PDB file of N, CA and C in Angstrom:
ATOM      1  N   MET A   1     -12.464 100.803 200.038  1.00  0.00           N
ATOM      2  CA  MET A   1     -12.763  98.963 199.435  1.00  0.00           C
ATOM      3  C   MET A   1     -14.619  98.934 200.213  1.00  0.00           C
ATOM      4  N   PHE A   2     -15.021  98.626 199.391  1.00  0.00           N
ATOM      5  CA  PHE A   2     -16.744  98.048 199.905  1.00  0.00           C
ATOM      6  C   PHE A   2     -17.201  96.794 199.678  1.00  0.00           C
ATOM      7  N   GLY A   3     -15.825  96.169 199.354  1.00  0.00           N
ATOM      8  CA  GLY A   3     -15.404  94.392 199.118  1.00  0.00           C
ATOM      9  C   GLY A   3     -14.324  93.541 198.328  1.00  0.00           C
ATOM     10  N   SER A   4     -14.377  92.717 198.232  1.00  0.00           N
ATOM     11  CA  SER A   4     -12.993  92.367 197.808  1.00  0.00           C
ATOM     12  C   SER A   4     -13.474  90.939 197.082  1.00  0.00           C
ATOM     13  N   LYS A   5     -12.672  90.694 195.801  1.00  0.00           N
ATOM     14  CA  LYS A   5     -12.885  89.523 195.021  1.00  0.00           C
ATOM     15  C   LYS A   5     -11.370  88.940 196.052  1.00  0.00           C
ATOM     16  N   LYS A   6     -10.705  86.957 195.786  1.00  0.00           N
ATOM     17  CA  LYS A   6      -9.923  86.422 195.514  1.00  0.00           C
ATOM     18  C   LYS A   6      -9.131  86.706 194.484  1.00  0.00           C
ATOM     19  N   ILE A   7      -8.236  86.275 193.776  1.00  0.00           N
ATOM     20  CA  ILE A   7      -7.327  86.534 193.077  1.00  0.00           C
ATOM     21  C   ILE A   7      -6.141  85.788 193.038  1.00  0.00           C
ATOM     22  N   LYS A   8      -6.347  84.512 193.020  1.00  0.00           N
ATOM     23  CA  LYS A   8      -4.834  83.371 192.891  1.00  0.00           C
ATOM     24  C   LYS A   8      -3.465  83.821 192.195  1.00  0.00           C
ATOM     25  N   ILE A   9      -2.644  83.708 192.486  1.00  0.00           N
ATOM     26  CA  ILE A   9      -1.495  84.428 192.169  1.00  0.00           C
ATOM     27  C   ILE A   9      -0.543  83.136 192.513  1.00  0.00           C
ATOM     28  N   ASP A  10       0.316  82.694 191.058  1.00  0.00           N
ATOM     29  CA  ASP A  10       1.871  81.487 191.543  1.00  0.00           C
ATOM     30  C   ASP A  10       2.559  82.328 192.924  1.00  0.00           C
ATOM     31  N   LYS A  11       2.669  81.496 193.360  1.00  0.00           N
ATOM     32  CA  LYS A  11       3.303  81.059 194.739  1.00  0.00           C
ATOM     33  C   LYS A  11       5.248  81.882 194.657  1.00  0.00           C
ATOM     34  N   ASP A  12       4.976  81.761 193.644  1.00  0.00           N
ATOM     35  CA  ASP A  12       6.865  82.930 192.937  1.00  0.00           C
ATOM     36  C   ASP A  12       6.566  84.259 192.832  1.00  0.00           C
ATOM     37  N   LEU A  13       5.328  84.473 191.955  1.00  0.00           N
ATOM     38  CA  LEU A  13       5.196  85.779 191.723  1.00  0.00           C
ATOM     39  C   LEU A  13       4.604  86.314 193.278  1.00  0.00           C
ATOM     40  N   LEU A  14       4.371  84.798 193.371  1.00  0.00           N
ATOM     41  CA  LEU A  14       3.596  86.211 195.362  1.00  0.00           C
ATOM     42  C   LEU A  14       5.098  86.639 195.815  1.00  0.00           C
ATOM     43  N   ALA A  15       5.996  85.458 195.510  1.00  0.00           N
ATOM     44  CA  ALA A  15       7.540  85.979 196.388  1.00  0.00           C
ATOM     45  C   ALA A  15       7.830  87.327 196.043  1.00  0.00           C
ATOM     46  N   LYS A  16       7.162  86.527 194.750  1.00  0.00           N
ATOM     47  CA  LYS A  16       8.365  88.653 194.343  1.00  0.00           C
ATOM     48  C   LYS A  16       7.616  89.545 194.587  1.00  0.00           C
ATOM     49  N   ILE A  17       6.521  89.850 194.811  1.00  0.00           N
ATOM     50  CA  ILE A  17       5.777  91.009 194.619  1.00  0.00           C
ATOM     51  C   ILE A  17       6.009  90.869 196.246  1.00  0.00           C
ATOM     52  N   GLU A  18       6.232  89.494 197.139  1.00  0.00           N
ATOM     53  CA  GLU A  18       6.689  90.591 198.460  1.00  0.00           C
ATOM     54  C   GLU A  18       7.831  90.960 198.910  1.00  0.00           C
ATOM     55  N   ARG A  19       8.524  90.383 197.770  1.00  0.00           N
ATOM     56  CA  ARG A  19       9.556  91.195 197.897  1.00  0.00           C
ATOM     57  C   ARG A  19       9.950  92.569 197.754  1.00  0.00           C
ATOM     58  N   TYR A  20       9.737  92.384 196.367  1.00  0.00           N
ATOM     59  CA  TYR A  20       9.598  93.491 195.628  1.00  0.00           C
ATOM     60  C   TYR A  20       8.766  94.572 196.683  1.00  0.00           C
ATOM     61  N   ALA A  21       8.016  94.795 197.043  1.00  0.00           N
ATOM     62  CA  ALA A  21       6.760  95.506 197.824  1.00  0.00           C
ATOM     63  C   ALA A  21       7.617  95.628 198.674  1.00  0.00           C
ATOM     64  N   LYS A  22       8.731  95.387 199.708  1.00  0.00           N
ATOM     65  CA  LYS A  22       8.953  95.530 200.496  1.00  0.00           C
ATOM     66  C   LYS A  22      10.300  96.741 200.105  1.00  0.00           C
ATOM     67  N   ILE A  23      11.137  96.112 198.847  1.00  0.00           N
ATOM     68  CA  ILE A  23      12.269  96.937 198.399  1.00  0.00           C
ATOM     69  C   ILE A  23      11.056  97.891 197.821  1.00  0.00           C
ATOM     70  N   ALA A  24      10.502  98.578 198.058  1.00  0.00           N
ATOM     71  CA  ALA A  24      10.257  99.653 197.439  1.00  0.00           C
ATOM     72  C   ALA A  24       9.416 100.807 198.137  1.00  0.00           C
ATOM     73  N   GLY A  25       9.226  99.622 199.702  1.00  0.00           N
ATOM     74  CA  GLY A  25       8.571 100.733 200.926  1.00  0.00           C
ATOM     75  C   GLY A  25       7.209 100.785 201.037  1.00  0.00           C
ATOM     76  N   TYR A  26       6.370 100.066 199.738  1.00  0.00           N
ATOM     77  CA  TYR A  26       4.821  99.760 199.563  1.00  0.00           C
ATOM     78  C   TYR A  26       4.806  99.481 201.479  1.00  0.00           C
ATOM     79  N   SER A  27       3.383  99.656 201.658  1.00  0.00           N
ATOM     80  CA  SER A  27       3.281  98.878 202.982  1.00  0.00           C
ATOM     81  C   SER A  27       2.760  97.593 203.253  1.00  0.00           C
ATOM     82  N   SER A  28       2.018  97.125 201.684  1.00  0.00           N
ATOM     83  CA  SER A  28       1.825  95.969 201.422  1.00  0.00           C
ATOM     84  C   SER A  28       2.251  95.416 199.928  1.00  0.00           C
ATOM     85  N   PRO A  29       2.136  94.140 200.367  1.00  0.00           N
ATOM     86  CA  PRO A  29       2.689  93.155 198.877  1.00  0.00           C
ATOM     87  C   PRO A  29       0.459  94.041 198.018  1.00  0.00           C
ATOM     88  N   GLU A  30      -0.016  94.377 198.590  1.00  0.00           N
ATOM     89  CA  GLU A  30      -1.108  94.428 198.572  1.00  0.00           C
ATOM     90  C   GLU A  30      -1.140  95.951 198.065  1.00  0.00           C
ATOM     91  N   GLU A  31      -0.828  96.828 198.616  1.00  0.00           N
ATOM     92  CA  GLU A  31      -0.673  98.485 197.752  1.00  0.00           C
ATOM     93  C   GLU A  31       0.037  97.822 196.446  1.00  0.00           C
ATOM     94  N   PHE A  32       1.153  97.159 196.548  1.00  0.00           N
ATOM     95  CA  PHE A  32       1.881  96.568 195.498  1.00  0.00           C
ATOM     96  C   PHE A  32       1.251  97.002 194.305  1.00  0.00           C
ATOM     97  N   VAL A  33       0.765  95.803 194.495  1.00  0.00           N
ATOM     98  CA  VAL A  33       0.511  95.058 193.114  1.00  0.00           C
ATOM     99  C   VAL A  33      -1.192  96.205 193.394  1.00  0.00           C
ATOM    100  N   ASN A  34      -1.579  96.741 194.352  1.00  0.00           N
ATOM    101  CA  ASN A  34      -3.137  97.293 193.960  1.00  0.00           C
ATOM    102  C   ASN A  34      -2.032  99.388 192.399  1.00  0.00           C
ATOM    103  N   HIS A  35      -0.958  98.975 192.932  1.00  0.00           N
ATOM    104  CA  HIS A  35      -0.309 100.285 192.544  1.00  0.00           C
ATOM    105  C   HIS A  35       0.121 100.429 190.842  1.00  0.00           C
ATOM    106  N   ALA A  36       0.311  98.568 190.803  1.00  0.00           N
ATOM    107  CA  ALA A  36       1.174  98.256 189.781  1.00  0.00           C
ATOM    108  C   ALA A  36       0.147  97.971 188.518  1.00  0.00           C
ATOM    109  N   LEU A  37      -1.208  97.067 189.088  1.00  0.00           N
ATOM    110  CA  LEU A  37      -2.439  96.911 187.933  1.00  0.00           C
ATOM    111  C   LEU A  37      -3.003  98.549 187.625  1.00  0.00           C
ATOM    112  N   GLU A  38      -3.412  99.690 188.383  1.00  0.00           N
ATOM    113  CA  GLU A  38      -3.721 100.785 188.195  1.00  0.00           C
ATOM    114  C   GLU A  38      -2.862 101.701 187.491  1.00  0.00           C
ATOM    115  N   LYS A  39      -1.476 100.819 187.543  1.00  0.00           N
ATOM    116  CA  LYS A  39      -0.519 101.431 185.609  1.00  0.00           C
ATOM    117  C   LYS A  39      -1.125 101.285 184.873  1.00  0.00           C
ATOM    118  N   GLU A  40      -0.646  99.935 185.109  1.00  0.00           N
ATOM    119  CA  GLU A  40      -1.350  98.994 183.882  1.00  0.00           C
ATOM    120  C   GLU A  40      -2.968  99.407 183.128  1.00  0.00           C
ATOM    121  N   LEU A  41      -2.840  99.558 184.489  1.00  0.00           N
ATOM    122  CA  LEU A  41      -5.226 100.588 183.262  1.00  0.00           C
ATOM    123  C   LEU A  41      -5.168 101.475 182.624  1.00  0.00           C
ATOM    124  N   ALA A  42      -4.350 102.338 183.576  1.00  0.00           N
ATOM    125  CA  ALA A  42      -4.139 104.070 183.146  1.00  0.00           C
ATOM    126  C   ALA A  42      -3.643 103.933 181.824  1.00  0.00           C
ATOM    127  N   LYS A  43      -2.859 102.767 181.421  1.00  0.00           N
ATOM    128  CA  LYS A  43      -2.352 102.645 180.208  1.00  0.00           C
ATOM    129  C   LYS A  43      -2.897 102.059 178.726  1.00  0.00           C
ATOM    130  N   LEU A  44      -4.365 100.995 179.577  1.00  0.00           N
ATOM    131  CA  LEU A  44      -5.072 100.495 178.260  1.00  0.00           C
ATOM    132  C   LEU A  44      -6.592 101.584 178.800  1.00  0.00           C
ATOM    133  N   GLU A  45      -6.251 102.387 178.950  1.00  0.00           N
ATOM    134  CA  GLU A  45      -7.734 103.302 179.747  1.00  0.00           C
ATOM    135  C   GLU A  45      -7.581 104.584 177.737  1.00  0.00           C
ATOM    136  N   GLY A  46      -7.284 104.904 177.715  1.00  0.00           N
ATOM    137  CA  GLY A  46      -6.405 106.064 176.333  1.00  0.00           C
ATOM    138  C   GLY A  46      -7.406 105.270 175.394  1.00  0.00           C
ATOM    139  N   ALA A  47      -7.146 103.794 175.294  1.00  0.00           N
ATOM    140  CA  ALA A  47      -7.768 103.218 173.846  1.00  0.00           C
ATOM    141  C   ALA A  47      -8.886 103.511 173.680  1.00  0.00           C
ATOM    142  N   ASP A  48      -9.419 103.326 172.563  1.00  0.00           N
ATOM    143  CA  ASP A  48     -10.434 103.869 171.397  1.00  0.00           C
ATOM    144  C   ASP A  48     -11.053 102.533 171.427  1.00  0.00           C
ATOM    145  N   THR A  49     -11.370 101.717 170.680  1.00  0.00           N
ATOM    146  CA  THR A  49     -12.237 100.582 170.875  1.00  0.00           C
ATOM    147  C   THR A  49     -11.404  98.957 171.978  1.00  0.00           C
ATOM    148  N   GLU A  50     -12.479  98.158 171.825  1.00  0.00           N
ATOM    149  CA  GLU A  50     -11.706  96.340 171.319  1.00  0.00           C
ATOM    150  C   GLU A  50     -10.539  95.766 171.631  1.00  0.00           C
ATOM    151  N   GLU A  51     -10.961  96.332 169.875  1.00  0.00           N
ATOM    152  CA  GLU A  51      -9.554  95.902 169.022  1.00  0.00           C
ATOM    153  C   GLU A  51      -7.988  96.453 169.280  1.00  0.00           C
ATOM    154  N   GLU A  52      -8.176  98.041 169.460  1.00  0.00           N
ATOM    155  CA  GLU A  52      -6.938  98.076 170.284  1.00  0.00           C
ATOM    156  C   GLU A  52      -7.148  98.223 171.710  1.00  0.00           C
ATOM    157  N   ILE A  53      -7.330  97.969 172.470  1.00  0.00           N
ATOM    158  CA  ILE A  53      -6.821  96.827 173.647  1.00  0.00           C
ATOM    159  C   ILE A  53      -6.542  96.085 173.158  1.00  0.00           C
ATOM    160  N   LYS A  54      -7.445  94.891 171.976  1.00  0.00           N
ATOM    161  CA  LYS A  54      -6.733  93.619 172.319  1.00  0.00           C
ATOM    162  C   LYS A  54      -5.330  94.235 171.765  1.00  0.00           C
ATOM    163  N   LYS A  55      -4.919  94.840 171.025  1.00  0.00           N
ATOM    164  CA  LYS A  55      -3.385  95.445 170.050  1.00  0.00           C
ATOM    165  C   LYS A  55      -2.686  95.047 171.335  1.00  0.00           C
ATOM    166  N   ARG A  56      -2.687  96.163 171.722  1.00  0.00           N
ATOM    167  CA  ARG A  56      -1.607  96.847 172.961  1.00  0.00           C
ATOM    168  C   ARG A  56      -1.771  95.631 173.992  1.00  0.00           C
ATOM    169  N   LEU A  57      -2.784  94.680 174.434  1.00  0.00           N
ATOM    170  CA  LEU A  57      -2.191  93.661 175.159  1.00  0.00           C
ATOM    171  C   LEU A  57      -1.674  92.813 174.578  1.00  0.00           C
ATOM    172  N   ARG A  58      -1.314  92.249 172.913  1.00  0.00           N
ATOM    173  CA  ARG A  58      -0.769  91.471 172.505  1.00  0.00           C
ATOM    174  C   ARG A  58       1.106  91.633 172.589  1.00  0.00           C
ATOM    175  N   GLY A  59       0.938  93.107 172.291  1.00  0.00           N
ATOM    176  CA  GLY A  59       2.873  94.022 172.711  1.00  0.00           C
ATOM    177  C   GLY A  59       3.011  93.863 173.775  1.00  0.00           C
ATOM    178  N   LEU A  60       2.097  93.653 174.736  1.00  0.00           N
ATOM    179  CA  LEU A  60       2.836  93.853 175.937  1.00  0.00           C
ATOM    180  C   LEU A  60       3.230  92.007 176.361  1.00  0.00           C
ATOM    181  N   GLY A  61       2.475  90.603 175.723  1.00  0.00           N
ATOM    182  CA  GLY A  61       2.029  89.749 176.087  1.00  0.00           C
ATOM    183  C   GLY A  61       1.582  89.037 176.484  1.00  0.00           C
ATOM    184  N   TYR A  62       0.775  90.055 176.849  1.00  0.00           N
ATOM    185  CA  TYR A  62      -0.759  89.384 177.962  1.00  0.00           C
ATOM    186  C   TYR A  62      -1.477  87.551 177.437  1.00  0.00           C
ATOM    187  N   ILE A  63      -1.863  88.939 176.075  1.00  0.00           N
ATOM    188  CA  ILE A  63      -2.910  87.685 174.949  1.00  0.00           C
ATOM    189  C   ILE A  63      -1.762  86.960 173.590  1.00  0.00           C
ATOM    190  N   SER A  64      -2.341  85.820 172.712  1.00  0.00           N
ATOM    191  CA  SER A  64      -1.676  86.434 172.158  1.00  0.00           C
ATOM    192  C   SER A  64      -2.940  85.711 169.953  1.00  0.00           C
TER     193      SER A  64
END
């Protein structure tokens, strides 16, 4: 990657990420998070419009 941005993650969530990344055999928590985000983004990429994306995010409980 050509650069990096820092994202703040709640410490309880980070502990879960670290635990499950290790259990699932990922080489690092970063690899686990990247994979999880890629999967979620792939689901949204099929949406045709911004409104459809918002509808999907509401359905997942990410926005209200």
